[in-house]
Amino acid sequence: MTFSRLAFLLVALAVFVTGCGNAPQTPVASPSPTTSTAASPTPDEFAAVRVIYTKDCLSCHGDKGQGGPTKVDGKTIKVPALNSGHALGHSDKDFTGQIREGGDGMPAFEKKLTPKEIEGIIHFIRKEIQHK
């Protein structure tokens, strides 16, 4: 390549890069490092409590808190619903006492669950089963 041809290419490149100096330059926005186009998954605030509910409550109270007849120690008992009826009027204190101490066919969970886990179960019942 001759010197004049190389010089012409360099000048042409310079004109192209600068836009001849007449055209307004439009800034190109680069993506911000903190901007995410993918949706972040919402953490499940009840993940740990779901495990407890599934293990200790589901077999009697059902997946939606519907309750109903179930066998406990060879006897059929009617398990109260958590999503309707009297349970809707129970205070957190009522639920805490029932879970801790049991009664009416329900086993006591005082030695099996911590106070924080019991509180989590009640919050789960309110938000996920009763939708309050």
N, C-alpha and C. Protein backbone atom coordinates (compact mmCIF):
# COMPACT_ATOMS: atom_id res chain seq x y z
N MET A 1 0.86 -1.16 0.00
CA MET A 1 0.00 0.00 0.00
C MET A 1 0.91 1.23 0.00
N THR A 2 0.55 2.18 -0.83
CA THR A 2 1.37 3.38 -0.93
C THR A 2 1.06 4.33 0.22
N PHE A 3 1.98 5.26 0.44
CA PHE A 3 1.83 6.22 1.51
C PHE A 3 0.59 7.08 1.32
N SER A 4 0.31 7.50 0.10
CA SER A 4 -0.85 8.37 -0.16
C SER A 4 -2.16 7.61 0.07
N ARG A 5 -2.17 6.36 -0.26
CA ARG A 5 -3.38 5.55 -0.03
C ARG A 5 -3.59 5.35 1.47
N LEU A 6 -2.53 5.07 2.21
CA LEU A 6 -2.61 4.89 3.65
C LEU A 6 -3.07 6.19 4.31
N ALA A 7 -2.54 7.31 3.87
CA ALA A 7 -2.93 8.60 4.42
C ALA A 7 -4.41 8.86 4.16
N PHE A 8 -4.88 8.55 2.93
CA PHE A 8 -6.29 8.73 2.59
C PHE A 8 -7.18 7.88 3.51
N LEU A 9 -6.80 6.64 3.75
CA LEU A 9 -7.59 5.76 4.61
C LEU A 9 -7.63 6.28 6.04
N LEU A 10 -6.50 6.79 6.52
CA LEU A 10 -6.47 7.33 7.88
C LEU A 10 -7.35 8.57 8.00
N VAL A 11 -7.33 9.44 6.98
CA VAL A 11 -8.16 10.64 6.99
C VAL A 11 -9.64 10.23 6.93
N ALA A 12 -9.95 9.29 6.07
CA ALA A 12 -11.34 8.83 5.95
C ALA A 12 -11.82 8.23 7.27
N LEU A 13 -10.96 7.47 7.90
CA LEU A 13 -11.31 6.87 9.18
C LEU A 13 -11.53 7.96 10.23
N ALA A 14 -10.67 8.95 10.25
CA ALA A 14 -10.80 10.05 11.21
C ALA A 14 -12.10 10.82 10.98
N VAL A 15 -12.47 11.04 9.72
CA VAL A 15 -13.71 11.75 9.40
C VAL A 15 -14.90 10.90 9.84
N PHE A 16 -14.83 9.61 9.60
CA PHE A 16 -15.92 8.72 9.98
C PHE A 16 -16.10 8.70 11.49
N VAL A 17 -14.99 8.60 12.22
CA VAL A 17 -15.05 8.52 13.68
C VAL A 17 -15.58 9.81 14.28
N THR A 18 -15.17 10.96 13.76
CA THR A 18 -15.61 12.23 14.33
C THR A 18 -16.93 12.69 13.76
N GLY A 19 -17.42 12.04 12.73
CA GLY A 19 -18.70 12.41 12.14
C GLY A 19 -18.61 13.73 11.39
N CYS A 20 -17.47 14.01 10.82
CA CYS A 20 -17.23 15.22 10.04
C CYS A 20 -17.35 16.48 10.89
N GLY A 21 -17.53 16.34 12.16
CA GLY A 21 -17.61 17.50 13.04
C GLY A 21 -18.92 18.24 12.95
N ASN A 22 -19.82 17.89 12.04
CA ASN A 22 -21.07 18.60 11.86
C ASN A 22 -22.27 17.89 12.48
N ALA A 23 -22.25 16.57 12.51
CA ALA A 23 -23.40 15.82 13.00
C ALA A 23 -23.39 15.79 14.51
N PRO A 24 -24.55 16.03 15.12
CA PRO A 24 -24.59 15.96 16.59
C PRO A 24 -24.33 14.53 17.04
N GLN A 25 -23.60 14.42 18.07
CA GLN A 25 -23.28 13.10 18.61
C GLN A 25 -24.37 12.68 19.60
N THR A 26 -24.90 11.50 19.41
CA THR A 26 -25.90 10.97 20.33
C THR A 26 -25.20 10.02 21.28
N PRO A 27 -25.21 10.34 22.56
CA PRO A 27 -24.54 9.44 23.49
C PRO A 27 -25.27 8.09 23.55
N VAL A 28 -24.49 7.06 23.58
CA VAL A 28 -25.05 5.72 23.68
C VAL A 28 -24.96 5.31 25.14
N ALA A 29 -26.13 5.00 25.72
CA ALA A 29 -26.18 4.61 27.12
C ALA A 29 -25.67 3.19 27.26
N SER A 30 -24.73 3.02 28.14
CA SER A 30 -24.27 1.66 28.40
C SER A 30 -25.03 1.14 29.61
N PRO A 31 -25.28 -0.16 29.62
CA PRO A 31 -26.04 -0.71 30.74
C PRO A 31 -25.29 -0.51 32.05
N SER A 32 -26.03 -0.13 33.04
CA SER A 32 -25.46 0.06 34.37
C SER A 32 -25.15 -1.31 34.97
N PRO A 33 -24.05 -1.43 35.68
CA PRO A 33 -23.73 -2.74 36.27
C PRO A 33 -24.75 -3.20 37.31
N THR A 34 -25.53 -2.25 37.86
CA THR A 34 -26.52 -2.65 38.86
C THR A 34 -27.88 -2.92 38.24
N THR A 35 -28.04 -2.59 36.95
CA THR A 35 -29.31 -2.81 36.29
C THR A 35 -29.41 -4.27 35.87
N SER A 36 -30.51 -4.89 36.21
CA SER A 36 -30.72 -6.29 35.84
C SER A 36 -31.98 -6.39 35.00
N THR A 37 -31.86 -7.08 33.88
CA THR A 37 -33.04 -7.26 33.04
C THR A 37 -33.82 -8.50 33.46
N ALA A 38 -33.17 -9.41 34.16
CA ALA A 38 -33.87 -10.60 34.61
C ALA A 38 -34.55 -10.30 35.95
N ALA A 39 -35.73 -10.86 36.13
CA ALA A 39 -36.46 -10.67 37.38
C ALA A 39 -35.77 -11.44 38.49
N SER A 40 -35.61 -10.80 39.62
CA SER A 40 -35.02 -11.47 40.77
C SER A 40 -36.09 -12.34 41.42
N PRO A 41 -35.71 -13.56 41.78
CA PRO A 41 -36.70 -14.40 42.44
C PRO A 41 -37.05 -13.83 43.81
N THR A 42 -38.32 -13.92 44.14
CA THR A 42 -38.76 -13.45 45.45
C THR A 42 -38.53 -14.57 46.45
N PRO A 43 -37.80 -14.28 47.51
CA PRO A 43 -37.56 -15.34 48.48
C PRO A 43 -38.87 -15.73 49.17
N ASP A 44 -39.00 -17.00 49.47
CA ASP A 44 -40.20 -17.50 50.15
C ASP A 44 -40.00 -17.32 51.65
N GLU A 45 -40.71 -16.34 52.22
CA GLU A 45 -40.55 -16.07 53.64
C GLU A 45 -41.00 -17.25 54.50
N PHE A 46 -41.77 -18.17 53.92
CA PHE A 46 -42.28 -19.30 54.68
C PHE A 46 -41.59 -20.61 54.34
N ALA A 47 -40.44 -20.57 53.70
CA ALA A 47 -39.77 -21.80 53.27
C ALA A 47 -39.54 -22.76 54.45
N ALA A 48 -38.98 -22.27 55.53
CA ALA A 48 -38.70 -23.13 56.69
C ALA A 48 -39.99 -23.58 57.36
N VAL A 49 -40.97 -22.70 57.43
CA VAL A 49 -42.24 -23.03 58.08
C VAL A 49 -43.01 -24.06 57.25
N ARG A 50 -42.91 -23.97 55.92
CA ARG A 50 -43.60 -24.96 55.06
C ARG A 50 -43.11 -26.37 55.38
N VAL A 51 -41.84 -26.51 55.66
CA VAL A 51 -41.28 -27.82 56.02
C VAL A 51 -41.94 -28.33 57.30
N ILE A 52 -42.04 -27.46 58.28
CA ILE A 52 -42.67 -27.83 59.57
C ILE A 52 -44.14 -28.17 59.34
N TYR A 53 -44.87 -27.31 58.60
CA TYR A 53 -46.29 -27.55 58.36
C TYR A 53 -46.47 -28.88 57.64
N THR A 54 -45.65 -29.13 56.62
CA THR A 54 -45.77 -30.37 55.85
C THR A 54 -45.53 -31.58 56.74
N LYS A 55 -44.54 -31.49 57.61
CA LYS A 55 -44.17 -32.63 58.46
C LYS A 55 -45.15 -32.83 59.62
N ASP A 56 -45.60 -31.73 60.24
CA ASP A 56 -46.35 -31.86 61.49
C ASP A 56 -47.84 -31.53 61.41
N CYS A 57 -48.28 -30.81 60.39
CA CYS A 57 -49.66 -30.31 60.37
C CYS A 57 -50.48 -30.82 59.18
N LEU A 58 -49.84 -31.00 58.05
CA LEU A 58 -50.53 -31.31 56.80
C LEU A 58 -51.39 -32.56 56.87
N SER A 59 -50.89 -33.61 57.48
CA SER A 59 -51.63 -34.87 57.48
C SER A 59 -53.00 -34.75 58.15
N CYS A 60 -53.14 -33.84 59.10
CA CYS A 60 -54.43 -33.65 59.77
C CYS A 60 -55.20 -32.44 59.22
N HIS A 61 -54.51 -31.31 59.07
CA HIS A 61 -55.19 -30.07 58.68
C HIS A 61 -55.32 -29.88 57.17
N GLY A 62 -54.58 -30.66 56.38
CA GLY A 62 -54.68 -30.58 54.92
C GLY A 62 -53.82 -29.48 54.33
N ASP A 63 -53.61 -29.56 53.02
CA ASP A 63 -52.71 -28.62 52.35
C ASP A 63 -53.25 -27.20 52.29
N LYS A 64 -54.55 -27.05 52.38
CA LYS A 64 -55.16 -25.72 52.36
C LYS A 64 -55.79 -25.35 53.70
N GLY A 65 -55.51 -26.16 54.72
CA GLY A 65 -56.06 -25.91 56.04
C GLY A 65 -57.52 -26.28 56.17
N GLN A 66 -58.00 -27.17 55.32
CA GLN A 66 -59.42 -27.52 55.29
C GLN A 66 -59.85 -28.46 56.41
N GLY A 67 -58.90 -29.14 57.07
CA GLY A 67 -59.27 -30.04 58.16
C GLY A 67 -60.11 -31.20 57.66
N GLY A 68 -60.95 -31.75 58.56
CA GLY A 68 -61.81 -32.86 58.19
C GLY A 68 -61.50 -34.10 59.01
N PRO A 69 -62.18 -35.20 58.73
CA PRO A 69 -61.95 -36.42 59.51
C PRO A 69 -60.57 -37.03 59.20
N THR A 70 -59.90 -37.47 60.24
CA THR A 70 -58.60 -38.14 60.09
C THR A 70 -58.41 -39.12 61.24
N LYS A 71 -57.58 -40.10 61.03
CA LYS A 71 -57.32 -41.10 62.07
C LYS A 71 -56.10 -40.69 62.88
N VAL A 72 -56.27 -40.69 64.19
CA VAL A 72 -55.18 -40.41 65.13
C VAL A 72 -55.22 -41.50 66.19
N ASP A 73 -54.12 -42.22 66.32
CA ASP A 73 -54.02 -43.31 67.28
C ASP A 73 -55.18 -44.30 67.15
N GLY A 74 -55.55 -44.62 65.92
CA GLY A 74 -56.59 -45.59 65.66
C GLY A 74 -58.01 -45.06 65.77
N LYS A 75 -58.18 -43.81 66.20
CA LYS A 75 -59.51 -43.22 66.31
C LYS A 75 -59.68 -42.17 65.22
N THR A 76 -60.88 -42.09 64.69
CA THR A 76 -61.18 -41.04 63.72
C THR A 76 -61.65 -39.81 64.48
N ILE A 77 -60.99 -38.70 64.22
CA ILE A 77 -61.40 -37.44 64.85
C ILE A 77 -61.68 -36.42 63.75
N LYS A 78 -62.50 -35.44 64.07
CA LYS A 78 -62.79 -34.37 63.12
C LYS A 78 -61.82 -33.23 63.43
N VAL A 79 -60.90 -33.00 62.52
CA VAL A 79 -59.90 -31.96 62.70
C VAL A 79 -60.49 -30.64 62.22
N PRO A 80 -60.41 -29.60 63.04
CA PRO A 80 -60.98 -28.32 62.63
C PRO A 80 -60.21 -27.70 61.47
N ALA A 81 -60.97 -27.00 60.64
CA ALA A 81 -60.37 -26.27 59.53
C ALA A 81 -59.62 -25.06 60.07
N LEU A 82 -58.54 -24.70 59.40
CA LEU A 82 -57.79 -23.50 59.76
C LEU A 82 -58.19 -22.32 58.88
N ASN A 83 -58.88 -22.63 57.77
CA ASN A 83 -59.22 -21.59 56.78
C ASN A 83 -60.67 -21.12 56.86
N SER A 84 -61.41 -21.59 57.84
CA SER A 84 -62.82 -21.17 57.97
C SER A 84 -63.29 -21.44 59.39
N GLY A 85 -64.52 -21.05 59.66
CA GLY A 85 -65.13 -21.34 60.96
C GLY A 85 -64.45 -20.65 62.12
N HIS A 86 -64.39 -21.37 63.24
CA HIS A 86 -63.86 -20.82 64.50
C HIS A 86 -62.41 -20.34 64.38
N ALA A 87 -61.62 -21.01 63.57
CA ALA A 87 -60.19 -20.67 63.46
C ALA A 87 -59.98 -19.23 62.99
N LEU A 88 -60.92 -18.72 62.21
CA LEU A 88 -60.79 -17.34 61.73
C LEU A 88 -60.88 -16.34 62.86
N GLY A 89 -61.56 -16.71 63.95
CA GLY A 89 -61.70 -15.81 65.09
C GLY A 89 -60.68 -16.03 66.19
N HIS A 90 -59.85 -17.07 66.06
CA HIS A 90 -58.85 -17.33 67.09
C HIS A 90 -57.78 -16.25 67.10
N SER A 91 -57.40 -15.85 68.30
CA SER A 91 -56.28 -14.91 68.44
C SER A 91 -54.97 -15.70 68.28
N ASP A 92 -53.89 -14.97 68.10
CA ASP A 92 -52.58 -15.62 68.04
C ASP A 92 -52.30 -16.36 69.35
N LYS A 93 -52.76 -15.80 70.46
CA LYS A 93 -52.58 -16.43 71.77
C LYS A 93 -53.32 -17.77 71.82
N ASP A 94 -54.55 -17.79 71.26
CA ASP A 94 -55.32 -19.05 71.21
C ASP A 94 -54.56 -20.11 70.41
N PHE A 95 -54.07 -19.71 69.23
CA PHE A 95 -53.32 -20.65 68.39
C PHE A 95 -52.06 -21.13 69.10
N THR A 96 -51.35 -20.20 69.74
CA THR A 96 -50.11 -20.56 70.44
C THR A 96 -50.39 -21.62 71.51
N GLY A 97 -51.43 -21.40 72.31
CA GLY A 97 -51.78 -22.35 73.36
C GLY A 97 -52.15 -23.71 72.79
N GLN A 98 -52.94 -23.73 71.73
CA GLN A 98 -53.37 -24.99 71.12
C GLN A 98 -52.18 -25.75 70.54
N ILE A 99 -51.29 -25.04 69.86
CA ILE A 99 -50.13 -25.71 69.27
C ILE A 99 -49.20 -26.21 70.37
N ARG A 100 -48.94 -25.37 71.36
CA ARG A 100 -48.03 -25.75 72.44
C ARG A 100 -48.57 -26.90 73.27
N GLU A 101 -49.81 -26.78 73.70
CA GLU A 101 -50.36 -27.73 74.67
C GLU A 101 -51.19 -28.84 74.05
N GLY A 102 -51.66 -28.67 72.83
CA GLY A 102 -52.49 -29.68 72.19
C GLY A 102 -53.87 -29.74 72.84
N GLY A 103 -54.54 -30.86 72.67
CA GLY A 103 -55.87 -31.06 73.25
C GLY A 103 -56.89 -31.35 72.18
N ASP A 104 -57.99 -31.99 72.57
CA ASP A 104 -59.05 -32.39 71.64
C ASP A 104 -58.50 -33.22 70.48
N GLY A 105 -57.59 -34.11 70.79
CA GLY A 105 -57.03 -34.99 69.77
C GLY A 105 -55.75 -34.47 69.13
N MET A 106 -55.45 -33.21 69.33
CA MET A 106 -54.23 -32.64 68.74
C MET A 106 -53.06 -32.86 69.71
N PRO A 107 -51.93 -33.35 69.20
CA PRO A 107 -50.77 -33.53 70.08
C PRO A 107 -50.16 -32.18 70.47
N ALA A 108 -49.47 -32.17 71.59
CA ALA A 108 -48.76 -30.97 72.04
C ALA A 108 -47.43 -30.88 71.29
N PHE A 109 -47.07 -29.67 70.89
CA PHE A 109 -45.82 -29.45 70.16
C PHE A 109 -44.83 -28.62 70.97
N GLU A 110 -45.10 -28.42 72.25
CA GLU A 110 -44.25 -27.59 73.10
C GLU A 110 -42.80 -28.09 73.14
N LYS A 111 -42.62 -29.40 73.16
CA LYS A 111 -41.27 -29.96 73.22
C LYS A 111 -40.68 -30.22 71.83
N LYS A 112 -41.50 -30.09 70.81
CA LYS A 112 -41.04 -30.39 69.45
C LYS A 112 -40.71 -29.11 68.67
N LEU A 113 -41.42 -28.02 68.94
CA LEU A 113 -41.21 -26.77 68.22
C LEU A 113 -40.77 -25.67 69.17
N THR A 114 -39.91 -24.81 68.69
CA THR A 114 -39.48 -23.66 69.48
C THR A 114 -40.59 -22.60 69.45
N PRO A 115 -40.57 -21.66 70.41
CA PRO A 115 -41.55 -20.57 70.37
C PRO A 115 -41.50 -19.80 69.03
N LYS A 116 -40.31 -19.62 68.46
CA LYS A 116 -40.17 -18.93 67.18
C LYS A 116 -40.81 -19.73 66.04
N GLU A 117 -40.66 -21.04 66.06
CA GLU A 117 -41.29 -21.90 65.05
C GLU A 117 -42.82 -21.86 65.17
N ILE A 118 -43.32 -21.87 66.39
CA ILE A 118 -44.77 -21.77 66.61
C ILE A 118 -45.28 -20.43 66.09
N GLU A 119 -44.56 -19.38 66.38
CA GLU A 119 -44.92 -18.05 65.87
C GLU A 119 -44.92 -18.05 64.34
N GLY A 120 -43.93 -18.72 63.74
CA GLY A 120 -43.86 -18.83 62.28
C GLY A 120 -45.05 -19.59 61.70
N ILE A 121 -45.45 -20.66 62.37
CA ILE A 121 -46.62 -21.45 61.92
C ILE A 121 -47.87 -20.57 61.96
N ILE A 122 -48.05 -19.80 63.02
CA ILE A 122 -49.23 -18.93 63.13
C ILE A 122 -49.22 -17.87 62.04
N HIS A 123 -48.06 -17.28 61.78
CA HIS A 123 -47.95 -16.28 60.71
C HIS A 123 -48.26 -16.92 59.35
N PHE A 124 -47.77 -18.13 59.15
CA PHE A 124 -48.05 -18.88 57.92
C PHE A 124 -49.56 -19.13 57.78
N ILE A 125 -50.21 -19.57 58.86
CA ILE A 125 -51.66 -19.81 58.82
C ILE A 125 -52.39 -18.52 58.44
N ARG A 126 -52.02 -17.43 59.07
CA ARG A 126 -52.69 -16.14 58.79
C ARG A 126 -52.51 -15.69 57.34
N LYS A 127 -51.30 -15.77 56.83
CA LYS A 127 -51.00 -15.21 55.50
C LYS A 127 -51.28 -16.19 54.35
N GLU A 128 -50.98 -17.44 54.53
CA GLU A 128 -51.08 -18.39 53.43
C GLU A 128 -52.38 -19.21 53.44
N ILE A 129 -52.92 -19.47 54.60
CA ILE A 129 -54.13 -20.30 54.68
C ILE A 129 -55.37 -19.44 54.85
N GLN A 130 -55.29 -18.46 55.72
CA GLN A 130 -56.46 -17.58 55.95
C GLN A 130 -56.41 -16.34 55.06
N HIS A 131 -55.28 -16.08 54.45
CA HIS A 131 -55.11 -14.93 53.53
C HIS A 131 -55.45 -13.60 54.20
N LYS A 132 -55.01 -13.43 55.43
CA LYS A 132 -55.25 -12.18 56.15
C LYS A 132 -54.04 -11.28 56.05
